[in-house]
Amino acid sequence: MRAERAPTGGVPEVAQHCVTDELTDRELADRVASHGDEAAFRALYRRHTPTLHRFVLRLTGGNTAQAEDLTQETWLRAARGLGRFRWKSAFRTWLLGIALNQYRELARRDGRRITFVEAEREAPGEAIEPGRRMDLERALQLLPPGFRTVLLLHDVEGFTHREIGEQLGISDGTCKSRLHEARKAMRRLLTAGMETA
């Protein structure tokens, strides 16, 4: 995207930021899609990147490099697809959906599958050191990726079971069941951490 330079006497760049920051996501996206407005894109980026990055960082189990790559790739895909976005959901929902698809694609390329295992059979990936308290972020990292995905989408990001089902290609009932199992696994991890604290 190329920003058009304001003619001499035009609106200074700082003032452009203030104007674009007050626009809705849809207004900004329309400016980007129709005119390649770089200031509008930067406003969307500033507005949504903290949430997006936090989401992919948790999704990857705390892998910072992978989260950075996924954040950038998500924005690249979003910028390319902005003109096709139909606004049937919030921009944030659409953006996080792109991130989730990117994560799933990365897992497939790496030869991994995002699987859902029964909570009772799944042990944490690593032992909790005696005397160390388990925090929520650490427990999220230890959850199997499939459980982590559903838990993040529903409990952290606020997606409905229907929206999650559409993203993951599962029914609402399956989503509810997996969320229940994910919460059980999370409670087990947190309880084990509390007992060693």
N, C-alpha and C. Protein backbone atom coordinates (compact mmCIF):
# COMPACT_ATOMS: atom_id res chain seq x y z
N MET A 1 0.82 -1.17 0.00
CA MET A 1 0.00 0.00 0.00
C MET A 1 0.86 1.24 0.00
N ARG A 2 0.48 2.20 -0.80
CA ARG A 2 1.24 3.44 -0.86
C ARG A 2 0.41 4.56 -0.28
N ALA A 3 1.02 5.31 0.57
CA ALA A 3 0.34 6.47 1.11
C ALA A 3 0.50 7.60 0.13
N GLU A 4 -0.59 8.31 -0.12
CA GLU A 4 -0.50 9.47 -0.98
C GLU A 4 -0.03 10.65 -0.16
N ARG A 5 0.89 11.38 -0.69
CA ARG A 5 1.43 12.54 0.02
C ARG A 5 0.43 13.68 -0.05
N ALA A 6 0.25 14.31 1.10
CA ALA A 6 -0.62 15.49 1.12
C ALA A 6 0.12 16.64 0.48
N PRO A 7 -0.58 17.44 -0.32
CA PRO A 7 0.10 18.59 -0.91
C PRO A 7 0.51 19.57 0.18
N THR A 8 1.41 20.47 -0.15
CA THR A 8 1.86 21.46 0.82
C THR A 8 0.63 22.16 1.37
N GLY A 9 0.59 22.30 2.67
CA GLY A 9 -0.57 22.90 3.31
C GLY A 9 -1.64 21.86 3.61
N GLY A 10 -1.38 20.57 3.28
CA GLY A 10 -2.34 19.50 3.53
C GLY A 10 -2.36 19.12 5.00
N VAL A 11 -3.05 18.05 5.30
CA VAL A 11 -3.19 17.59 6.68
C VAL A 11 -1.89 16.92 7.12
N PRO A 12 -1.28 17.40 8.21
CA PRO A 12 -0.05 16.76 8.69
C PRO A 12 -0.31 15.29 9.07
N GLU A 13 0.76 14.50 9.02
CA GLU A 13 0.63 13.06 9.30
C GLU A 13 0.07 12.79 10.69
N VAL A 14 0.46 13.56 11.69
CA VAL A 14 -0.05 13.37 13.06
C VAL A 14 -1.55 13.56 13.08
N ALA A 15 -2.05 14.58 12.37
CA ALA A 15 -3.49 14.83 12.31
C ALA A 15 -4.19 13.69 11.59
N GLN A 16 -3.55 13.12 10.55
CA GLN A 16 -4.14 11.99 9.84
C GLN A 16 -4.33 10.82 10.79
N HIS A 17 -3.36 10.57 11.69
CA HIS A 17 -3.49 9.48 12.67
C HIS A 17 -4.70 9.70 13.56
N CYS A 18 -4.89 10.93 14.00
CA CYS A 18 -6.03 11.22 14.87
C CYS A 18 -7.33 10.97 14.15
N VAL A 19 -7.40 11.38 12.89
CA VAL A 19 -8.62 11.19 12.10
C VAL A 19 -8.87 9.71 11.88
N THR A 20 -7.86 8.96 11.44
CA THR A 20 -8.06 7.54 11.15
C THR A 20 -8.34 6.75 12.41
N ASP A 21 -7.80 7.16 13.55
CA ASP A 21 -8.05 6.44 14.80
C ASP A 21 -9.50 6.54 15.25
N GLU A 22 -10.21 7.55 14.78
CA GLU A 22 -11.61 7.74 15.17
C GLU A 22 -12.57 6.99 14.25
N LEU A 23 -12.09 6.49 13.13
CA LEU A 23 -12.95 5.78 12.18
C LEU A 23 -13.21 4.35 12.65
N THR A 24 -14.33 3.79 12.22
CA THR A 24 -14.65 2.40 12.54
C THR A 24 -13.76 1.47 11.73
N ASP A 25 -13.72 0.21 12.13
CA ASP A 25 -12.95 -0.78 11.38
C ASP A 25 -13.42 -0.83 9.93
N ARG A 26 -14.71 -0.79 9.74
CA ARG A 26 -15.26 -0.88 8.39
C ARG A 26 -14.86 0.32 7.54
N GLU A 27 -14.90 1.50 8.12
CA GLU A 27 -14.50 2.69 7.38
C GLU A 27 -13.01 2.63 7.01
N LEU A 28 -12.21 2.17 7.95
CA LEU A 28 -10.77 2.04 7.67
C LEU A 28 -10.53 0.99 6.59
N ALA A 29 -11.19 -0.15 6.72
CA ALA A 29 -11.01 -1.23 5.75
C ALA A 29 -11.46 -0.79 4.36
N ASP A 30 -12.54 -0.04 4.28
CA ASP A 30 -13.01 0.46 2.98
C ASP A 30 -11.98 1.39 2.36
N ARG A 31 -11.35 2.23 3.18
CA ARG A 31 -10.31 3.13 2.67
C ARG A 31 -9.11 2.34 2.15
N VAL A 32 -8.76 1.29 2.88
CA VAL A 32 -7.62 0.46 2.45
C VAL A 32 -7.96 -0.27 1.16
N ALA A 33 -9.13 -0.91 1.12
CA ALA A 33 -9.51 -1.71 -0.04
C ALA A 33 -9.73 -0.87 -1.29
N SER A 34 -10.33 0.30 -1.13
CA SER A 34 -10.67 1.09 -2.31
C SER A 34 -9.56 2.04 -2.76
N HIS A 35 -8.76 2.55 -1.82
CA HIS A 35 -7.75 3.54 -2.19
C HIS A 35 -6.33 3.17 -1.79
N GLY A 36 -6.15 2.03 -1.15
CA GLY A 36 -4.81 1.66 -0.69
C GLY A 36 -4.29 2.63 0.36
N ASP A 37 -5.18 3.15 1.17
CA ASP A 37 -4.85 4.18 2.17
C ASP A 37 -3.95 3.58 3.25
N GLU A 38 -2.68 3.97 3.22
CA GLU A 38 -1.70 3.43 4.17
C GLU A 38 -1.97 3.87 5.60
N ALA A 39 -2.42 5.10 5.79
CA ALA A 39 -2.73 5.59 7.14
C ALA A 39 -3.88 4.78 7.74
N ALA A 40 -4.86 4.43 6.91
CA ALA A 40 -5.98 3.62 7.39
C ALA A 40 -5.51 2.22 7.77
N PHE A 41 -4.61 1.67 6.94
CA PHE A 41 -4.07 0.34 7.27
C PHE A 41 -3.29 0.38 8.58
N ARG A 42 -2.46 1.41 8.75
CA ARG A 42 -1.70 1.53 10.00
C ARG A 42 -2.63 1.65 11.20
N ALA A 43 -3.75 2.36 11.04
CA ALA A 43 -4.71 2.50 12.15
C ALA A 43 -5.31 1.14 12.50
N LEU A 44 -5.69 0.35 11.49
CA LEU A 44 -6.20 -1.01 11.74
C LEU A 44 -5.13 -1.86 12.43
N TYR A 45 -3.91 -1.74 11.93
CA TYR A 45 -2.79 -2.51 12.48
C TYR A 45 -2.56 -2.17 13.95
N ARG A 46 -2.50 -0.89 14.25
CA ARG A 46 -2.30 -0.46 15.65
C ARG A 46 -3.45 -0.92 16.54
N ARG A 47 -4.64 -0.86 16.03
CA ARG A 47 -5.83 -1.20 16.80
C ARG A 47 -5.91 -2.69 17.12
N HIS A 48 -5.53 -3.54 16.18
CA HIS A 48 -5.78 -4.98 16.34
C HIS A 48 -4.55 -5.85 16.59
N THR A 49 -3.36 -5.33 16.38
CA THR A 49 -2.17 -6.16 16.54
C THR A 49 -1.94 -6.63 17.98
N PRO A 50 -2.16 -5.82 19.00
CA PRO A 50 -1.94 -6.35 20.36
C PRO A 50 -2.80 -7.59 20.65
N THR A 51 -4.07 -7.55 20.28
CA THR A 51 -4.95 -8.71 20.49
C THR A 51 -4.52 -9.88 19.63
N LEU A 52 -4.23 -9.61 18.37
CA LEU A 52 -3.80 -10.65 17.44
C LEU A 52 -2.52 -11.33 17.93
N HIS A 53 -1.54 -10.54 18.32
CA HIS A 53 -0.27 -11.12 18.75
C HIS A 53 -0.43 -11.93 20.03
N ARG A 54 -1.19 -11.42 20.97
CA ARG A 54 -1.45 -12.16 22.21
C ARG A 54 -2.11 -13.51 21.90
N PHE A 55 -3.08 -13.49 20.97
CA PHE A 55 -3.78 -14.71 20.57
C PHE A 55 -2.83 -15.73 19.96
N VAL A 56 -2.01 -15.31 18.98
CA VAL A 56 -1.13 -16.28 18.33
C VAL A 56 0.00 -16.72 19.25
N LEU A 57 0.42 -15.85 20.16
CA LEU A 57 1.44 -16.25 21.12
C LEU A 57 0.91 -17.37 22.01
N ARG A 58 -0.31 -17.24 22.45
CA ARG A 58 -0.92 -18.29 23.26
C ARG A 58 -1.18 -19.53 22.42
N LEU A 59 -1.63 -19.34 21.20
CA LEU A 59 -1.93 -20.45 20.30
C LEU A 59 -0.70 -21.31 20.05
N THR A 60 0.45 -20.66 19.92
CA THR A 60 1.71 -21.38 19.65
C THR A 60 2.37 -21.89 20.92
N GLY A 61 1.72 -21.73 22.05
CA GLY A 61 2.31 -22.22 23.29
C GLY A 61 3.48 -21.37 23.76
N GLY A 62 3.47 -20.08 23.42
CA GLY A 62 4.52 -19.18 23.89
C GLY A 62 5.73 -19.08 22.98
N ASN A 63 5.66 -19.64 21.78
CA ASN A 63 6.77 -19.57 20.83
C ASN A 63 6.79 -18.19 20.19
N THR A 64 7.65 -17.30 20.69
CA THR A 64 7.69 -15.90 20.28
C THR A 64 7.99 -15.74 18.79
N ALA A 65 8.97 -16.45 18.28
CA ALA A 65 9.35 -16.32 16.87
C ALA A 65 8.20 -16.76 15.97
N GLN A 66 7.58 -17.87 16.32
CA GLN A 66 6.45 -18.37 15.54
C GLN A 66 5.28 -17.40 15.60
N ALA A 67 5.05 -16.83 16.77
CA ALA A 67 3.96 -15.86 16.94
C ALA A 67 4.20 -14.61 16.09
N GLU A 68 5.44 -14.14 16.05
CA GLU A 68 5.78 -12.98 15.22
C GLU A 68 5.50 -13.28 13.75
N ASP A 69 5.95 -14.45 13.30
CA ASP A 69 5.73 -14.83 11.90
C ASP A 69 4.24 -14.93 11.59
N LEU A 70 3.50 -15.56 12.48
CA LEU A 70 2.06 -15.72 12.26
C LEU A 70 1.34 -14.38 12.27
N THR A 71 1.75 -13.47 13.11
CA THR A 71 1.14 -12.14 13.15
C THR A 71 1.35 -11.43 11.82
N GLN A 72 2.57 -11.45 11.32
CA GLN A 72 2.86 -10.78 10.05
C GLN A 72 2.15 -11.44 8.89
N GLU A 73 2.16 -12.76 8.85
CA GLU A 73 1.50 -13.48 7.76
C GLU A 73 -0.01 -13.25 7.80
N THR A 74 -0.57 -13.16 9.00
CA THR A 74 -2.01 -12.88 9.13
C THR A 74 -2.34 -11.52 8.53
N TRP A 75 -1.52 -10.52 8.83
CA TRP A 75 -1.78 -9.18 8.29
C TRP A 75 -1.61 -9.16 6.77
N LEU A 76 -0.64 -9.90 6.25
CA LEU A 76 -0.47 -9.97 4.80
C LEU A 76 -1.71 -10.56 4.13
N ARG A 77 -2.19 -11.66 4.70
CA ARG A 77 -3.39 -12.31 4.15
C ARG A 77 -4.61 -11.41 4.30
N ALA A 78 -4.73 -10.74 5.43
CA ALA A 78 -5.87 -9.85 5.67
C ALA A 78 -5.85 -8.71 4.66
N ALA A 79 -4.68 -8.11 4.43
CA ALA A 79 -4.58 -7.00 3.49
C ALA A 79 -4.99 -7.44 2.08
N ARG A 80 -4.57 -8.64 1.70
CA ARG A 80 -4.93 -9.15 0.37
C ARG A 80 -6.42 -9.47 0.26
N GLY A 81 -7.03 -9.91 1.37
CA GLY A 81 -8.43 -10.34 1.32
C GLY A 81 -9.44 -9.30 1.77
N LEU A 82 -8.97 -8.12 2.12
CA LEU A 82 -9.85 -7.09 2.67
C LEU A 82 -11.01 -6.74 1.76
N GLY A 83 -10.79 -6.67 0.48
CA GLY A 83 -11.85 -6.33 -0.46
C GLY A 83 -12.93 -7.39 -0.55
N ARG A 84 -12.62 -8.62 -0.13
CA ARG A 84 -13.59 -9.72 -0.19
C ARG A 84 -14.30 -9.95 1.14
N PHE A 85 -13.88 -9.26 2.20
CA PHE A 85 -14.51 -9.42 3.51
C PHE A 85 -15.92 -8.86 3.45
N ARG A 86 -16.92 -9.64 3.87
CA ARG A 86 -18.33 -9.29 3.73
C ARG A 86 -18.97 -8.74 5.00
N TRP A 87 -18.23 -8.59 6.08
CA TRP A 87 -18.72 -7.98 7.33
C TRP A 87 -19.87 -8.74 7.96
N LYS A 88 -19.86 -10.07 7.82
CA LYS A 88 -20.85 -10.89 8.51
C LYS A 88 -20.42 -11.14 9.94
N SER A 89 -19.20 -10.78 10.25
CA SER A 89 -18.67 -10.87 11.61
C SER A 89 -17.84 -9.61 11.85
N ALA A 90 -17.39 -9.44 13.08
CA ALA A 90 -16.54 -8.30 13.40
C ALA A 90 -15.18 -8.47 12.72
N PHE A 91 -14.51 -7.37 12.46
CA PHE A 91 -13.18 -7.41 11.83
C PHE A 91 -12.23 -8.25 12.68
N ARG A 92 -12.28 -8.07 14.00
CA ARG A 92 -11.42 -8.83 14.92
C ARG A 92 -11.64 -10.32 14.78
N THR A 93 -12.90 -10.74 14.67
CA THR A 93 -13.24 -12.15 14.51
C THR A 93 -12.65 -12.69 13.21
N TRP A 94 -12.80 -11.92 12.14
CA TRP A 94 -12.27 -12.32 10.84
C TRP A 94 -10.75 -12.43 10.90
N LEU A 95 -10.11 -11.45 11.52
CA LEU A 95 -8.65 -11.42 11.61
C LEU A 95 -8.13 -12.61 12.42
N LEU A 96 -8.76 -12.90 13.56
CA LEU A 96 -8.33 -14.04 14.37
C LEU A 96 -8.60 -15.36 13.65
N GLY A 97 -9.65 -15.40 12.83
CA GLY A 97 -9.91 -16.59 12.01
C GLY A 97 -8.79 -16.82 11.00
N ILE A 98 -8.30 -15.76 10.41
CA ILE A 98 -7.16 -15.87 9.48
C ILE A 98 -5.94 -16.39 10.25
N ALA A 99 -5.72 -15.85 11.44
CA ALA A 99 -4.57 -16.29 12.25
C ALA A 99 -4.69 -17.77 12.59
N LEU A 100 -5.88 -18.21 12.95
CA LEU A 100 -6.09 -19.62 13.27
C LEU A 100 -5.81 -20.49 12.06
N ASN A 101 -6.29 -20.08 10.89
CA ASN A 101 -6.01 -20.84 9.67
C ASN A 101 -4.52 -20.88 9.36
N GLN A 102 -3.83 -19.77 9.59
CA GLN A 102 -2.38 -19.73 9.39
C GLN A 102 -1.68 -20.70 10.33
N TYR A 103 -2.13 -20.73 11.58
CA TYR A 103 -1.56 -21.63 12.57
C TYR A 103 -1.77 -23.09 12.16
N ARG A 104 -2.97 -23.40 11.72
CA ARG A 104 -3.28 -24.77 11.29
C ARG A 104 -2.44 -25.15 10.07
N GLU A 105 -2.27 -24.21 9.15
CA GLU A 105 -1.44 -24.46 7.97
C GLU A 105 0.02 -24.71 8.37
N LEU A 106 0.52 -23.91 9.29
CA LEU A 106 1.88 -24.09 9.79
C LEU A 106 2.05 -25.46 10.44
N ALA A 107 1.06 -25.85 11.24
CA ALA A 107 1.12 -27.16 11.89
C ALA A 107 1.16 -28.28 10.85
N ARG A 108 0.34 -28.15 9.80
CA ARG A 108 0.33 -29.17 8.74
C ARG A 108 1.68 -29.22 8.03
N ARG A 109 2.26 -28.06 7.74
CA ARG A 109 3.57 -28.02 7.07
C ARG A 109 4.64 -28.68 7.94
N ASP A 110 4.53 -28.50 9.25
CA ASP A 110 5.51 -29.09 10.16
C ASP A 110 5.21 -30.57 10.45
N GLY A 111 4.16 -31.10 9.82
CA GLY A 111 3.81 -32.50 10.02
C GLY A 111 3.09 -32.78 11.32
N ARG A 112 2.52 -31.74 11.92
CA ARG A 112 1.76 -31.93 13.15
C ARG A 112 0.27 -31.77 12.85
N ARG A 113 -0.52 -32.41 13.66
CA ARG A 113 -1.96 -32.22 13.58
C ARG A 113 -2.41 -31.62 14.90
N ILE A 114 -3.36 -30.72 14.81
CA ILE A 114 -3.94 -30.16 16.03
C ILE A 114 -5.00 -31.15 16.46
N THR A 115 -4.65 -31.95 17.43
CA THR A 115 -5.55 -33.03 17.84
C THR A 115 -6.20 -32.72 19.17
N PHE A 116 -7.28 -33.43 19.41
CA PHE A 116 -8.01 -33.31 20.66
C PHE A 116 -7.97 -34.68 21.32
N VAL A 117 -7.34 -34.75 22.47
CA VAL A 117 -7.22 -36.01 23.18
C VAL A 117 -8.05 -35.93 24.45
N GLU A 118 -8.38 -37.07 24.99
CA GLU A 118 -9.14 -37.06 26.23
C GLU A 118 -8.30 -36.51 27.36
N ALA A 119 -8.89 -35.63 28.15
CA ALA A 119 -8.16 -34.94 29.21
C ALA A 119 -7.55 -35.91 30.20
N GLU A 120 -8.26 -36.98 30.54
CA GLU A 120 -7.74 -37.90 31.54
C GLU A 120 -6.48 -38.62 31.07
N ARG A 121 -6.34 -38.80 29.78
CA ARG A 121 -5.19 -39.54 29.26
C ARG A 121 -4.00 -38.64 28.96
N GLU A 122 -4.24 -37.35 28.89
CA GLU A 122 -3.16 -36.44 28.49
C GLU A 122 -2.45 -35.89 29.72
N ALA A 123 -1.18 -36.16 29.79
CA ALA A 123 -0.35 -35.61 30.88
C ALA A 123 0.30 -34.33 30.39
N PRO A 124 0.64 -33.42 31.27
CA PRO A 124 1.34 -32.21 30.84
C PRO A 124 2.63 -32.57 30.12
N GLY A 125 3.04 -31.70 29.21
CA GLY A 125 4.23 -31.93 28.40
C GLY A 125 5.50 -31.98 29.22
N GLU A 126 5.51 -31.33 30.36
CA GLU A 126 6.70 -31.37 31.20
C GLU A 126 6.25 -31.32 32.66
N ALA A 127 7.08 -31.84 33.52
CA ALA A 127 6.74 -31.87 34.94
C ALA A 127 6.82 -30.47 35.54
N ILE A 128 6.01 -30.25 36.54
CA ILE A 128 6.04 -28.99 37.26
C ILE A 128 7.06 -29.12 38.38
N GLU A 129 7.99 -28.18 38.43
CA GLU A 129 9.02 -28.23 39.45
C GLU A 129 8.40 -28.06 40.84
N PRO A 130 8.87 -28.83 41.82
CA PRO A 130 8.37 -28.65 43.17
C PRO A 130 8.60 -27.22 43.65
N GLY A 131 7.62 -26.67 44.32
CA GLY A 131 7.74 -25.33 44.85
C GLY A 131 7.42 -24.23 43.84
N ARG A 132 7.12 -24.61 42.62
CA ARG A 132 6.82 -23.61 41.59
C ARG A 132 5.31 -23.55 41.36
N ARG A 133 4.78 -22.38 41.42
CA ARG A 133 3.35 -22.20 41.24
C ARG A 133 3.02 -22.14 39.74
N MET A 134 1.97 -22.82 39.34
CA MET A 134 1.55 -22.84 37.95
C MET A 134 0.71 -21.59 37.68
N ASP A 135 1.10 -20.81 36.68
CA ASP A 135 0.27 -19.66 36.32
C ASP A 135 -0.56 -20.00 35.09
N LEU A 136 -1.52 -19.15 34.82
CA LEU A 136 -2.46 -19.40 33.74
C LEU A 136 -1.77 -19.49 32.38
N GLU A 137 -0.85 -18.59 32.09
CA GLU A 137 -0.15 -18.61 30.80
C GLU A 137 0.65 -19.90 30.64
N ARG A 138 1.30 -20.33 31.69
CA ARG A 138 2.10 -21.56 31.63
C ARG A 138 1.19 -22.77 31.43
N ALA A 139 0.07 -22.78 32.12
CA ALA A 139 -0.89 -23.88 31.96
C ALA A 139 -1.40 -23.92 30.52
N LEU A 140 -1.66 -22.77 29.93
CA LEU A 140 -2.09 -22.72 28.52
C LEU A 140 -1.04 -23.34 27.61
N GLN A 141 0.23 -23.04 27.88
CA GLN A 141 1.31 -23.59 27.06
C GLN A 141 1.37 -25.11 27.15
N LEU A 142 1.02 -25.64 28.32
CA LEU A 142 1.11 -27.10 28.51
C LEU A 142 -0.11 -27.85 27.97
N LEU A 143 -1.19 -27.15 27.69
CA LEU A 143 -2.36 -27.82 27.13
C LEU A 143 -2.03 -28.35 25.74
N PRO A 144 -2.60 -29.49 25.37
CA PRO A 144 -2.44 -29.96 24.00
C PRO A 144 -2.99 -28.90 23.03
N PRO A 145 -2.39 -28.74 21.86
CA PRO A 145 -2.79 -27.66 20.94
C PRO A 145 -4.28 -27.62 20.63
N GLY A 146 -4.91 -28.76 20.45
CA GLY A 146 -6.34 -28.77 20.14
C GLY A 146 -7.18 -28.19 21.26
N PHE A 147 -6.87 -28.57 22.48
CA PHE A 147 -7.59 -28.02 23.63
C PHE A 147 -7.30 -26.53 23.78
N ARG A 148 -6.04 -26.17 23.62
CA ARG A 148 -5.64 -24.77 23.75
C ARG A 148 -6.41 -23.91 22.75
N THR A 149 -6.56 -24.40 21.53
CA THR A 149 -7.24 -23.65 20.49
C THR A 149 -8.69 -23.35 20.87
N VAL A 150 -9.44 -24.38 21.26
CA VAL A 150 -10.84 -24.20 21.61
C VAL A 150 -10.99 -23.31 22.85
N LEU A 151 -10.16 -23.54 23.85
CA LEU A 151 -10.23 -22.74 25.07
C LEU A 151 -9.93 -21.27 24.79
N LEU A 152 -8.91 -21.01 24.00
CA LEU A 152 -8.57 -19.63 23.66
C LEU A 152 -9.69 -18.96 22.87
N LEU A 153 -10.19 -19.66 21.86
CA LEU A 153 -11.23 -19.07 21.04
C LEU A 153 -12.48 -18.76 21.85
N HIS A 154 -12.89 -19.68 22.72
CA HIS A 154 -14.13 -19.48 23.47
C HIS A 154 -13.95 -18.62 24.72
N ASP A 155 -13.09 -19.06 25.61
CA ASP A 155 -13.00 -18.41 26.93
C ASP A 155 -12.18 -17.13 26.93
N VAL A 156 -11.21 -17.02 26.05
CA VAL A 156 -10.37 -15.83 26.03
C VAL A 156 -10.86 -14.82 24.99
N GLU A 157 -11.13 -15.28 23.79
CA GLU A 157 -11.49 -14.38 22.70
C GLU A 157 -12.99 -14.18 22.55
N GLY A 158 -13.80 -15.01 23.19
CA GLY A 158 -15.25 -14.80 23.19
C GLY A 158 -15.99 -15.28 21.96
N PHE A 159 -15.41 -16.18 21.17
CA PHE A 159 -16.11 -16.73 20.02
C PHE A 159 -17.23 -17.64 20.51
N THR A 160 -18.30 -17.73 19.74
CA THR A 160 -19.40 -18.64 20.07
C THR A 160 -19.02 -20.05 19.62
N HIS A 161 -19.77 -21.05 20.11
CA HIS A 161 -19.51 -22.43 19.69
C HIS A 161 -19.71 -22.56 18.17
N ARG A 162 -20.71 -21.87 17.64
CA ARG A 162 -20.96 -21.91 16.21
C ARG A 162 -19.77 -21.35 15.43
N GLU A 163 -19.25 -20.20 15.86
CA GLU A 163 -18.10 -19.59 15.17
C GLU A 163 -16.87 -20.49 15.24
N ILE A 164 -16.65 -21.09 16.40
CA ILE A 164 -15.50 -22.00 16.55
C ILE A 164 -15.69 -23.22 15.66
N GLY A 165 -16.91 -23.76 15.66
CA GLY A 165 -17.21 -24.90 14.81
C GLY A 165 -16.94 -24.62 13.35
N GLU A 166 -17.33 -23.43 12.89
CA GLU A 166 -17.09 -23.05 11.50
C GLU A 166 -15.59 -22.96 11.22
N GLN A 167 -14.83 -22.40 12.15
CA GLN A 167 -13.38 -22.26 11.97
C GLN A 167 -12.68 -23.62 11.94
N LEU A 168 -13.12 -24.52 12.82
CA LEU A 168 -12.42 -25.79 12.96
C LEU A 168 -13.07 -26.94 12.18
N GLY A 169 -14.22 -26.68 11.58
CA GLY A 169 -14.90 -27.72 10.82
C GLY A 169 -15.51 -28.79 11.71
N ILE A 170 -16.06 -28.38 12.86
CA ILE A 170 -16.70 -29.32 13.79
C ILE A 170 -18.09 -28.79 14.14
N SER A 171 -18.93 -29.66 14.70
CA SER A 171 -20.27 -29.25 15.08
C SER A 171 -20.24 -28.46 16.39
N ASP A 172 -21.33 -27.76 16.68
CA ASP A 172 -21.45 -27.02 17.95
C ASP A 172 -21.28 -27.96 19.13
N GLY A 173 -21.93 -29.14 19.05
CA GLY A 173 -21.86 -30.12 20.14
C GLY A 173 -20.44 -30.61 20.37
N THR A 174 -19.72 -30.86 19.29
CA THR A 174 -18.32 -31.29 19.41
C THR A 174 -17.49 -30.19 20.04
N CYS A 175 -17.75 -28.97 19.64
CA CYS A 175 -17.03 -27.83 20.21
C CYS A 175 -17.27 -27.74 21.72
N LYS A 176 -18.52 -27.90 22.13
CA LYS A 176 -18.86 -27.84 23.56
C LYS A 176 -18.16 -28.95 24.33
N SER A 177 -18.14 -30.13 23.75
CA SER A 177 -17.48 -31.27 24.39
C SER A 177 -15.98 -31.03 24.53
N ARG A 178 -15.36 -30.53 23.48
CA ARG A 178 -13.91 -30.26 23.52
C ARG A 178 -13.59 -29.15 24.50
N LEU A 179 -14.45 -28.15 24.57
CA LEU A 179 -14.24 -27.07 25.53
C LEU A 179 -14.33 -27.61 26.95
N HIS A 180 -15.29 -28.49 27.19
CA HIS A 180 -15.43 -29.10 28.52
C HIS A 180 -14.15 -29.88 28.88
N GLU A 181 -13.66 -30.66 27.94
CA GLU A 181 -12.43 -31.43 28.18
C GLU A 181 -11.23 -30.51 28.37
N ALA A 182 -11.17 -29.43 27.59
CA ALA A 182 -10.06 -28.47 27.71
C ALA A 182 -10.06 -27.82 29.09
N ARG A 183 -11.25 -27.46 29.56
CA ARG A 183 -11.35 -26.85 30.89
C ARG A 183 -10.93 -27.83 31.98
N LYS A 184 -11.32 -29.10 31.83
CA LYS A 184 -10.91 -30.12 32.80
C LYS A 184 -9.39 -30.25 32.82
N ALA A 185 -8.79 -30.29 31.64
CA ALA A 185 -7.33 -30.41 31.55
C ALA A 185 -6.66 -29.19 32.18
N MET A 186 -7.21 -28.02 31.93
CA MET A 186 -6.67 -26.78 32.49
C MET A 186 -6.76 -26.79 34.01
N ARG A 187 -7.93 -27.19 34.54
CA ARG A 187 -8.09 -27.28 36.01
C ARG A 187 -7.08 -28.24 36.62
N ARG A 188 -6.87 -29.37 35.92
CA ARG A 188 -5.91 -30.35 36.43
C ARG A 188 -4.51 -29.75 36.48
N LEU A 189 -4.13 -29.04 35.42
CA LEU A 189 -2.81 -28.42 35.40
C LEU A 189 -2.67 -27.37 36.50
N LEU A 190 -3.68 -26.54 36.64
CA LEU A 190 -3.62 -25.49 37.65
C LEU A 190 -3.64 -26.06 39.06
N THR A 191 -4.43 -27.10 39.29
CA THR A 191 -4.50 -27.74 40.60
C THR A 191 -3.16 -28.39 40.95
N ALA A 192 -2.55 -29.07 39.97
CA ALA A 192 -1.25 -29.69 40.22
C ALA A 192 -0.22 -28.63 40.57
N GLY A 193 -0.29 -27.49 39.88
CA GLY A 193 0.64 -26.39 40.17
C GLY A 193 0.42 -25.80 41.55
N MET A 194 -0.83 -25.69 41.96
CA MET A 194 -1.14 -25.13 43.27
C MET A 194 -0.67 -26.05 44.38
N GLU A 195 -0.75 -27.35 44.15
CA GLU A 195 -0.34 -28.31 45.18
C GLU A 195 1.16 -28.29 45.41
N THR A 196 1.92 -27.90 44.37
CA THR A 196 3.37 -27.86 44.54
C THR A 196 3.85 -26.50 45.02
N ALA A 197 2.93 -25.51 45.06
CA ALA A 197 3.34 -24.15 45.46
C ALA A 197 3.60 -24.08 46.95
